C-alpha atoms as a PDB file:
ATOM      1  CA  MET A   1     262.138 114.561 406.569  1.00  0.00           C
ATOM      2  CA  ASP A   2     262.191 112.187 409.512  1.00  0.00           C
ATOM      3  CA  GLU A   3     259.668 109.391 408.908  1.00  0.00           C
ATOM      4  CA  ASP A   4     261.321 106.916 411.400  1.00  0.00           C
ATOM      5  CA  ASN A   5     258.034 106.744 413.123  1.00  0.00           C
ATOM      6  CA  GLY A   6     255.724 107.404 410.005  1.00  0.00           C
ATOM      7  CA  VAL A   7     255.650 111.329 411.005  1.00  0.00           C
ATOM      8  CA  SER A   8     256.749 113.580 408.287  1.00  0.00           C
ATOM      9  CA  ILE A   9     258.526 116.671 409.956  1.00  0.00           C
ATOM     10  CA  GLU A  10     259.664 119.675 406.928  1.00  0.00           C
ATOM     11  CA  LEU A  11     261.338 122.706 408.632  1.00  0.00           C
ATOM     12  CA  PHE A  12     262.566 126.269 407.103  1.00  0.00           C
ATOM     13  CA  HIS A  13     264.546 128.658 407.493  1.00  0.00           C
ATOM     14  CA  GLY A  14     262.902 132.412 406.433  1.00  0.00           C
ATOM     15  CA  ASP A  15     260.435 134.765 405.910  1.00  0.00           C
ATOM     16  CA  CYS A  16     256.932 133.199 406.385  1.00  0.00           C
ATOM     17  CA  LEU A  17     255.401 135.161 403.853  1.00  0.00           C
ATOM     18  CA  GLU A  18     257.729 134.138 400.843  1.00  0.00           C
ATOM     19  CA  LEU A  19     257.959 130.127 402.266  1.00  0.00           C
ATOM     20  CA  VAL A  20     254.457 130.208 402.335  1.00  0.00           C
ATOM     21  CA  GLU A  21     253.897 131.141 399.122  1.00  0.00           C
ATOM     22  CA  ARG A  22     256.042 128.548 397.644  1.00  0.00           C
ATOM     23  CA  MET A  23     254.033 125.763 398.771  1.00  0.00           C
ATOM     24  CA  ASN A  24     251.729 123.918 397.124  1.00  0.00           C
ATOM     25  CA  ASP A  25     247.902 124.886 397.670  1.00  0.00           C
ATOM     26  CA  GLY A  26     245.475 122.463 399.808  1.00  0.00           C
ATOM     27  CA  LEU A  27     248.300 120.538 402.237  1.00  0.00           C
ATOM     28  CA  VAL A  28     247.351 121.660 405.223  1.00  0.00           C
ATOM     29  CA  ASP A  29     244.895 120.614 407.736  1.00  0.00           C
ATOM     30  CA  MET A  30     245.483 122.803 410.134  1.00  0.00           C
ATOM     31  CA  VAL A  31     247.415 126.613 410.708  1.00  0.00           C
ATOM     32  CA  LEU A  32     248.614 126.661 414.569  1.00  0.00           C
ATOM     33  CA  THR A  33     250.513 129.520 415.226  1.00  0.00           C
ATOM     34  CA  ASP A  34     252.089 131.766 418.059  1.00  0.00           C
ATOM     35  CA  PRO A  35     252.854 135.209 416.082  1.00  0.00           C
ATOM     36  CA  PRO A  36     254.641 137.804 418.134  1.00  0.00           C
ATOM     37  CA  TYR A  37     252.184 140.334 419.467  1.00  0.00           C
ATOM     38  CA  SER A  38     253.404 143.739 419.068  1.00  0.00           C
ATOM     39  CA  SER A  39     251.982 143.750 422.484  1.00  0.00           C
ATOM     40  CA  GLY A  40     253.837 144.089 425.990  1.00  0.00           C
ATOM     41  CA  GLY A  41     251.934 147.698 426.338  1.00  0.00           C
ATOM     42  CA  LEU A  42     249.409 149.979 426.357  1.00  0.00           C
ATOM     43  CA  PHE A  43     251.921 152.879 424.752  1.00  0.00           C
ATOM     44  CA  THR A  44     253.545 153.004 421.123  1.00  0.00           C
ATOM     45  CA  GLY A  45     256.388 153.559 423.290  1.00  0.00           C
ATOM     46  CA  ASP A  46     255.897 150.532 425.161  1.00  0.00           C
ATOM     47  CA  ARG A  47     256.016 148.521 421.878  1.00  0.00           C
ATOM     48  CA  LYS A  48     258.916 149.566 420.646  1.00  0.00           C
ATOM     49  CA  LYS A  49     260.919 147.814 423.464  1.00  0.00           C
ATOM     50  CA  LYS A  50     263.177 144.827 422.663  1.00  0.00           C
ATOM     51  CA  THR A  51     260.775 141.794 423.464  1.00  0.00           C
ATOM     52  CA  SER A  52     263.126 140.555 426.365  1.00  0.00           C
ATOM     53  CA  SER A  53     262.271 143.504 428.010  1.00  0.00           C
ATOM     54  CA  LYS A  54     258.781 143.396 427.445  1.00  0.00           C
ATOM     55  CA  TYR A  55     258.460 139.996 428.217  1.00  0.00           C
ATOM     56  CA  THR A  56     261.038 138.291 430.515  1.00  0.00           C
ATOM     57  CA  ASP A  57     262.378 138.620 433.422  1.00  0.00           C
ATOM     58  CA  ASP A  58     266.385 138.699 434.045  1.00  0.00           C
ATOM     59  CA  GLY A  59     266.621 136.781 437.555  1.00  0.00           C
ATOM     60  CA  TYR A  60     268.313 133.832 437.769  1.00  0.00           C
ATOM     61  CA  ASN A  61     267.532 131.428 434.501  1.00  0.00           C
ATOM     62  CA  GLY A  62     265.144 134.302 433.454  1.00  0.00           C
ATOM     63  CA  ALA A  63     263.756 134.015 429.666  1.00  0.00           C
ATOM     64  CA  SER A  64     265.694 137.127 429.061  1.00  0.00           C
ATOM     65  CA  ARG A  65     268.879 134.766 428.565  1.00  0.00           C
ATOM     66  CA  PHE A  66     267.429 133.773 424.722  1.00  0.00           C
ATOM     67  CA  PRO A  67     267.546 136.164 421.613  1.00  0.00           C
ATOM     68  CA  ASP A  68     265.288 138.791 420.990  1.00  0.00           C
ATOM     69  CA  PHE A  69     262.583 138.493 418.380  1.00  0.00           C
ATOM     70  CA  SER A  70     261.731 140.226 415.448  1.00  0.00           C
ATOM     71  CA  GLY A  71     257.885 141.797 414.518  1.00  0.00           C
ATOM     72  CA  ASP A  72     257.222 142.731 417.828  1.00  0.00           C
ATOM     73  CA  ASN A  73     257.255 146.552 417.218  1.00  0.00           C
ATOM     74  CA  MET A  74     254.412 147.105 414.883  1.00  0.00           C
ATOM     75  CA  ASP A  75     251.228 149.613 415.567  1.00  0.00           C
ATOM     76  CA  GLN A  76     248.337 147.880 415.877  1.00  0.00           C
ATOM     77  CA  ARG A  77     247.171 149.231 412.608  1.00  0.00           C
ATOM     78  CA  SER A  78     250.314 147.791 411.077  1.00  0.00           C
ATOM     79  CA  PHE A  79     249.815 144.101 412.849  1.00  0.00           C
ATOM     80  CA  THR A  80     246.531 143.833 411.646  1.00  0.00           C
ATOM     81  CA  GLU A  81     247.477 144.325 408.018  1.00  0.00           C
ATOM     82  CA  PHE A  82     250.693 141.745 408.569  1.00  0.00           C
ATOM     83  CA  MET A  83     248.315 139.391 409.992  1.00  0.00           C
ATOM     84  CA  ARG A  84     246.015 139.424 407.392  1.00  0.00           C
ATOM     85  CA  MET A  85     248.358 138.893 404.495  1.00  0.00           C
ATOM     86  CA  ILE A  86     250.237 136.019 406.341  1.00  0.00           C
ATOM     87  CA  LEU A  87     246.643 134.385 407.398  1.00  0.00           C
ATOM     88  CA  ALA A  88     245.339 135.066 403.837  1.00  0.00           C
ATOM     89  CA  LYS A  89     248.369 133.003 402.498  1.00  0.00           C
ATOM     90  CA  CYS A  90     247.930 130.260 404.998  1.00  0.00           C
ATOM     91  CA  ARG A  91     244.757 129.909 404.315  1.00  0.00           C
ATOM     92  CA  LYS A  92     245.188 129.092 400.493  1.00  0.00           C
ATOM     93  CA  LYS A  93     247.304 126.032 401.331  1.00  0.00           C
ATOM     94  CA  THR A  94     244.904 124.817 403.538  1.00  0.00           C
ATOM     95  CA  LYS A  95     242.172 122.114 402.908  1.00  0.00           C
ATOM     96  CA  PRO A  96     238.972 122.777 403.101  1.00  0.00           C
ATOM     97  CA  GLU A  97     237.024 122.737 406.074  1.00  0.00           C
ATOM     98  CA  GLY A  98     240.368 123.040 407.513  1.00  0.00           C
ATOM     99  CA  ILE A  99     241.023 124.901 410.521  1.00  0.00           C
ATOM    100  CA  CYS A 100     243.420 128.037 411.561  1.00  0.00           C
ATOM    101  CA  ALA A 101     243.948 128.591 415.306  1.00  0.00           C
ATOM    102  CA  VAL A 102     246.151 131.957 416.198  1.00  0.00           C
ATOM    103  CA  PHE A 103     247.096 133.204 419.613  1.00  0.00           C
ATOM    104  CA  THR A 104     247.574 136.677 420.755  1.00  0.00           C
ATOM    105  CA  ASP A 105     247.000 138.361 424.372  1.00  0.00           C
ATOM    106  CA  TRP A 106     244.001 141.166 425.452  1.00  0.00           C
ATOM    107  CA  ARG A 107     245.439 143.947 424.339  1.00  0.00           C
ATOM    108  CA  GLN A 108     245.537 142.173 420.567  1.00  0.00           C
ATOM    109  CA  LEU A 109     242.218 139.957 420.624  1.00  0.00           C
ATOM    110  CA  SER A 110     240.329 142.736 418.070  1.00  0.00           C
ATOM    111  CA  ALA A 111     243.062 143.046 415.961  1.00  0.00           C
ATOM    112  CA  MET A 112     243.820 139.278 415.579  1.00  0.00           C
ATOM    113  CA  THR A 113     239.728 138.484 414.854  1.00  0.00           C
ATOM    114  CA  ASP A 114     239.973 141.303 412.534  1.00  0.00           C
ATOM    115  CA  ALA A 115     242.886 139.794 410.859  1.00  0.00           C
ATOM    116  CA  LEU A 116     241.414 136.536 410.306  1.00  0.00           C
ATOM    117  CA  GLN A 117     238.526 137.818 409.238  1.00  0.00           C
ATOM    118  CA  ALA A 118     239.600 139.721 406.609  1.00  0.00           C
ATOM    119  CA  ALA A 119     242.061 136.860 405.211  1.00  0.00           C
ATOM    120  CA  GLY A 120     238.840 134.911 403.942  1.00  0.00           C
ATOM    121  CA  TRP A 121     238.775 132.750 407.296  1.00  0.00           C
ATOM    122  CA  VAL A 122     235.737 131.570 408.705  1.00  0.00           C
ATOM    123  CA  TYR A 123     235.963 133.012 411.875  1.00  0.00           C
ATOM    124  CA  ARG A 124     234.272 130.410 414.852  1.00  0.00           C
ATOM    125  CA  GLY A 125     234.810 132.180 418.463  1.00  0.00           C
ATOM    126  CA  ILE A 126     238.148 132.285 420.876  1.00  0.00           C
ATOM    127  CA  ALA A 127     239.680 129.622 423.005  1.00  0.00           C
ATOM    128  CA  VAL A 128     241.147 130.796 426.154  1.00  0.00           C
ATOM    129  CA  TRP A 129     244.609 129.672 428.208  1.00  0.00           C
ATOM    130  CA  ASN A 130     244.981 130.032 431.635  1.00  0.00           C
ATOM    131  CA  LYS A 131     248.874 130.372 431.702  1.00  0.00           C
ATOM    132  CA  ARG A 132     248.441 130.579 435.588  1.00  0.00           C
ATOM    133  CA  ASN A 133     250.871 132.579 436.214  1.00  0.00           C
ATOM    134  CA  ALA A 134     249.824 136.798 435.824  1.00  0.00           C
ATOM    135  CA  ARG A 135     251.274 139.094 437.708  1.00  0.00           C
ATOM    136  CA  ASN A 136     249.821 140.662 440.854  1.00  0.00           C
ATOM    137  CA  ILE A 137     248.457 144.078 440.573  1.00  0.00           C
ATOM    138  CA  PRO A 138     246.441 145.044 443.605  1.00  0.00           C
ATOM    139  CA  GLY A 139     243.127 146.448 442.812  1.00  0.00           C
ATOM    140  CA  ARG A 140     242.944 145.085 439.249  1.00  0.00           C
ATOM    141  CA  PHE A 141     242.003 142.432 437.384  1.00  0.00           C
ATOM    142  CA  ARG A 142     244.350 139.321 436.767  1.00  0.00           C
ATOM    143  CA  GLN A 143     245.784 138.954 433.553  1.00  0.00           C
ATOM    144  CA  ASP A 144     245.582 135.256 433.678  1.00  0.00           C
ATOM    145  CA  CYS A 145     244.771 134.146 430.457  1.00  0.00           C
ATOM    146  CA  GLU A 146     246.108 133.951 426.576  1.00  0.00           C
ATOM    147  CA  PHE A 147     243.348 133.127 423.653  1.00  0.00           C
ATOM    148  CA  LEU A 148     243.590 131.197 420.639  1.00  0.00           C
ATOM    149  CA  VAL A 149     241.659 133.215 417.953  1.00  0.00           C
ATOM    150  CA  TRP A 150     240.247 130.491 415.439  1.00  0.00           C
ATOM    151  CA  GLY A 151     238.193 129.952 412.228  1.00  0.00           C
ATOM    152  CA  THR A 152     238.275 127.204 409.289  1.00  0.00           C
ATOM    153  CA  ASN A 153     238.434 127.555 405.534  1.00  0.00           C
ATOM    154  CA  GLY A 154     234.916 127.846 404.370  1.00  0.00           C
ATOM    155  CA  GLY A 155     232.773 125.893 406.026  1.00  0.00           C
ATOM    156  CA  LYS A 156     233.182 122.950 408.542  1.00  0.00           C
ATOM    157  CA  THR A 157     230.933 119.782 408.710  1.00  0.00           C
ATOM    158  CA  VAL A 158     229.373 118.824 412.315  1.00  0.00           C
ATOM    159  CA  ASP A 159     229.670 115.145 413.260  1.00  0.00           C
ATOM    160  CA  TRP A 160     226.915 114.420 415.347  1.00  0.00           C
ATOM    161  CA  THR A 161     227.810 110.680 415.750  1.00  0.00           C
ATOM    162  CA  PRO A 162     227.105 109.743 419.449  1.00  0.00           C
ATOM    163  CA  GLY A 163     229.641 110.182 421.823  1.00  0.00           C
ATOM    164  CA  PHE A 164     231.968 112.335 419.140  1.00  0.00           C
ATOM    165  CA  LYS A 165     232.253 115.587 421.849  1.00  0.00           C
ATOM    166  CA  ALA A 166     233.248 119.253 421.190  1.00  0.00           C
ATOM    167  CA  PHE A 167     236.508 120.315 421.875  1.00  0.00           C
ATOM    168  CA  PRO A 168     237.242 122.215 425.417  1.00  0.00           C
ATOM    169  CA  GLY A 169     237.051 126.068 425.097  1.00  0.00           C
ATOM    170  CA  TYR A 170     239.026 126.609 427.779  1.00  0.00           C
ATOM    171  CA  TYR A 171     242.920 125.340 429.124  1.00  0.00           C
ATOM    172  CA  GLU A 172     243.967 125.636 432.447  1.00  0.00           C
ATOM    173  CA  VAL A 173     247.454 124.905 431.371  1.00  0.00           C
ATOM    174  CA  SER A 174     251.145 126.236 433.613  1.00  0.00           C
ATOM    175  CA  SER A 175     253.041 128.202 431.182  1.00  0.00           C
ATOM    176  CA  VAL A 176     256.543 126.774 431.075  1.00  0.00           C
ATOM    177  CA  PRO A 177     259.147 127.399 434.276  1.00  0.00           C
ATOM    178  CA  THR A 178     261.833 129.642 432.822  1.00  0.00           C
ATOM    179  CA  LYS A 179     264.378 127.362 433.767  1.00  0.00           C
ATOM    180  CA  GLN A 180     263.091 124.443 431.024  1.00  0.00           C
ATOM    181  CA  LYS A 181     262.570 127.740 428.632  1.00  0.00           C
ATOM    182  CA  HIS A 182     264.284 127.480 424.824  1.00  0.00           C
ATOM    183  CA  HIS A 183     262.230 130.822 423.699  1.00  0.00           C
ATOM    184  CA  GLN A 184     261.165 133.894 425.714  1.00  0.00           C
ATOM    185  CA  THR A 185     257.456 133.272 424.818  1.00  0.00           C
ATOM    186  CA  GLU A 186     257.545 129.637 424.412  1.00  0.00           C
ATOM    187  CA  LYS A 187     253.805 127.483 424.624  1.00  0.00           C
ATOM    188  CA  PRO A 188     253.375 124.370 426.798  1.00  0.00           C
ATOM    189  CA  VAL A 189     253.894 121.073 424.565  1.00  0.00           C
ATOM    190  CA  GLU A 190     251.186 119.666 426.903  1.00  0.00           C
ATOM    191  CA  LEU A 191     248.714 122.709 425.620  1.00  0.00           C
ATOM    192  CA  LEU A 192     249.686 122.699 422.261  1.00  0.00           C
ATOM    193  CA  GLU A 193     248.919 119.075 422.204  1.00  0.00           C
ATOM    194  CA  LYS A 194     245.462 119.406 423.489  1.00  0.00           C
ATOM    195  CA  LEU A 195     244.795 122.172 421.051  1.00  0.00           C
ATOM    196  CA  ILE A 196     246.020 120.093 417.805  1.00  0.00           C
ATOM    197  CA  ALA A 197     243.663 117.041 418.661  1.00  0.00           C
ATOM    198  CA  ILE A 198     241.220 118.705 416.472  1.00  0.00           C
ATOM    199  CA  ALA A 199     243.415 118.190 413.520  1.00  0.00           C
ATOM    200  CA  PRO A 200     242.751 114.455 411.992  1.00  0.00           C
ATOM    201  CA  GLU A 201     244.918 111.544 413.134  1.00  0.00           C
ATOM    202  CA  GLY A 202     247.590 111.872 410.818  1.00  0.00           C
ATOM    203  CA  GLY A 203     247.236 114.955 409.295  1.00  0.00           C
ATOM    204  CA  THR A 204     249.408 118.213 408.866  1.00  0.00           C
ATOM    205  CA  VAL A 205     249.740 120.719 410.935  1.00  0.00           C
ATOM    206  CA  MET A 206     251.360 124.273 410.233  1.00  0.00           C
ATOM    207  CA  ASP A 207     253.235 127.077 412.263  1.00  0.00           C
ATOM    208  CA  CYS A 208     254.521 129.481 410.249  1.00  0.00           C
ATOM    209  CA  PHE A 209     255.671 131.366 413.064  1.00  0.00           C
ATOM    210  CA  MET A 210     257.431 128.249 414.711  1.00  0.00           C
ATOM    211  CA  GLY A 211     260.588 129.624 416.892  1.00  0.00           C
ATOM    212  CA  SER A 212     261.661 127.160 419.259  1.00  0.00           C
ATOM    213  CA  GLY A 213     259.881 124.147 417.577  1.00  0.00           C
ATOM    214  CA  SER A 214     257.294 123.366 420.257  1.00  0.00           C
ATOM    215  CA  THR A 215     254.452 122.809 417.605  1.00  0.00           C
ATOM    216  CA  GLY A 216     256.367 120.280 416.154  1.00  0.00           C
ATOM    217  CA  VAL A 217     257.412 118.392 419.387  1.00  0.00           C
ATOM    218  CA  ALA A 218     253.506 118.280 419.885  1.00  0.00           C
ATOM    219  CA  CYS A 219     253.263 116.712 417.026  1.00  0.00           C
ATOM    220  CA  LEU A 220     255.669 114.295 416.813  1.00  0.00           C
ATOM    221  CA  ASN A 221     253.878 113.511 420.170  1.00  0.00           C
ATOM    222  CA  THR A 222     251.036 112.743 418.454  1.00  0.00           C
ATOM    223  CA  GLY A 223     251.312 111.497 415.702  1.00  0.00           C
ATOM    224  CA  ARG A 224     250.923 114.618 412.993  1.00  0.00           C
ATOM    225  CA  ASN A 225     252.907 115.707 410.460  1.00  0.00           C
ATOM    226  CA  PHE A 226     254.143 119.010 411.015  1.00  0.00           C
ATOM    227  CA  ILE A 227     255.596 121.825 408.554  1.00  0.00           C
ATOM    228  CA  GLY A 228     257.609 124.543 410.304  1.00  0.00           C
ATOM    229  CA  MET A 229     258.813 128.048 409.674  1.00  0.00           C
ATOM    230  CA  GLU A 230     260.894 130.536 411.984  1.00  0.00           C
ATOM    231  CA  LEU A 231     262.879 133.326 410.680  1.00  0.00           C
ATOM    232  CA  SER A 232     265.709 133.712 413.414  1.00  0.00           C
ATOM    233  CA  GLU A 233     268.481 131.632 413.155  1.00  0.00           C
ATOM    234  CA  GLN A 234     269.193 130.982 416.559  1.00  0.00           C
ATOM    235  CA  TYR A 235     265.799 129.537 417.126  1.00  0.00           C
ATOM    236  CA  PHE A 236     265.749 127.710 413.951  1.00  0.00           C
ATOM    237  CA  GLU A 237     268.724 125.480 414.896  1.00  0.00           C
ATOM    238  CA  ILE A 238     266.831 125.043 418.301  1.00  0.00           C
ATOM    239  CA  ALA A 239     263.732 123.898 416.885  1.00  0.00           C
ATOM    240  CA  LYS A 240     265.987 121.631 414.814  1.00  0.00           C
ATOM    241  CA  GLN A 241     267.283 120.338 417.987  1.00  0.00           C
ATOM    242  CA  ARG A 242     264.360 119.975 419.650  1.00  0.00           C
ATOM    243  CA  ILE A 243     262.497 117.653 417.032  1.00  0.00           C
ATOM    244  CA  GLY A 244     265.104 115.162 416.631  1.00  0.00           C
ATOM    245  CA  GLY A 245     267.779 117.138 414.368  1.00  0.00           C
ATOM    246  CA  ALA A 246     265.266 117.190 411.215  1.00  0.00           C
ATOM    247  CA  ASP A 247     267.320 118.726 408.102  1.00  0.00           C
ATOM    248  CA  GLU A 248     266.242 121.807 406.499  1.00  0.00           C
ATOM    249  CA  ILE A 249     264.532 121.350 403.144  1.00  0.00           C
ATOM    250  CA  THR A 250     265.859 124.364 400.708  1.00  0.00           C
ATOM    251  CA  GLY A 251     263.262 125.550 398.914  1.00  0.00           C
ATOM    252  CA  ARG A 252     260.588 123.210 398.504  1.00  0.00           C
ATOM    253  CA  PRO A 253     258.398 124.157 401.534  1.00  0.00           C
ATOM    254  CA  GLY A 254     255.254 121.641 401.912  1.00  0.00           C
ATOM    255  CA  GLY A 255     256.053 119.244 399.195  1.00  0.00           C
ATOM    256  CA  CYS A 256     256.561 122.253 396.218  1.00  0.00           C
ATOM    257  CA  PHE A 257     258.729 120.762 393.799  1.00  0.00           C
END
C-alpha cells in the first residue's frame, strides 16, 4: 500500500484469473486493461511467434530489448473465451454502473466486443486511439489506430447537468518512444490519464494485465486508487519501481481478508 498522497495502491504478482476470484465483490469503479492481443498477423503461424518478433524492432534501443510476454498465442476462438472468462470475473468485482474498457487492435476488435458482451457487460461502443506511428505500406490504408472496447456493469445514469460533457471518443496521443519504454507494447501515461477521467475522482481503477504499470502511474497522477495484477515477474518488478516501490500484498487482493 502507498497512501502517502491519499491514494491506495495494491499490486499483485500472479494469474489474474485466480487473483480476481479472491477479491471482494463490488470494489472497483473502472476496469481499464490492455491484455495480450494474440494478434500480430493474419495467419496461425503469425500468432505463434514471440511477441518481440510480432510487435517490436531490434534496432538501437528497440522495444525487443524487453522480455517477451505470455498469453499472446491463442487462436481467435480461444482468445474470445479467455477474455470472456476474465471480464466476467472482473464484472463481479465492479460496482453497479461501473465501467470496463479494454484495448484491442483491428484484428481482434470483433472478438473483444463478443467477449465483453458474453461476460455480461452492457456494450457501449468503441473509443479510438491514433498512435501516430503506423507502418507506411504503399497502396493500403494506414493502420494508425488501436481501439478501446467499453461497456458498463448494468445501466448507466446520464447526468444532464448543464456543462457536464461527454468524454471524447477519439484520442490522438503519440506512442511511447522506444528509448523511453518499459514494456514491448506500452501505452502512453498521457492517454491513460485521459481515459480514467471517466472514473470518479478518488475512485478505484483495476488493471488485471498491468504490464509495466502505466495505468498505476496514471492513477497516481490523477488521484485515483489502483489495483494492478501482472503474471510476468520481470514486468511486475518494473511496475513496482515505476509506481513508487509499492509492496506486493500477498493473498489479499482488493481488500479480500
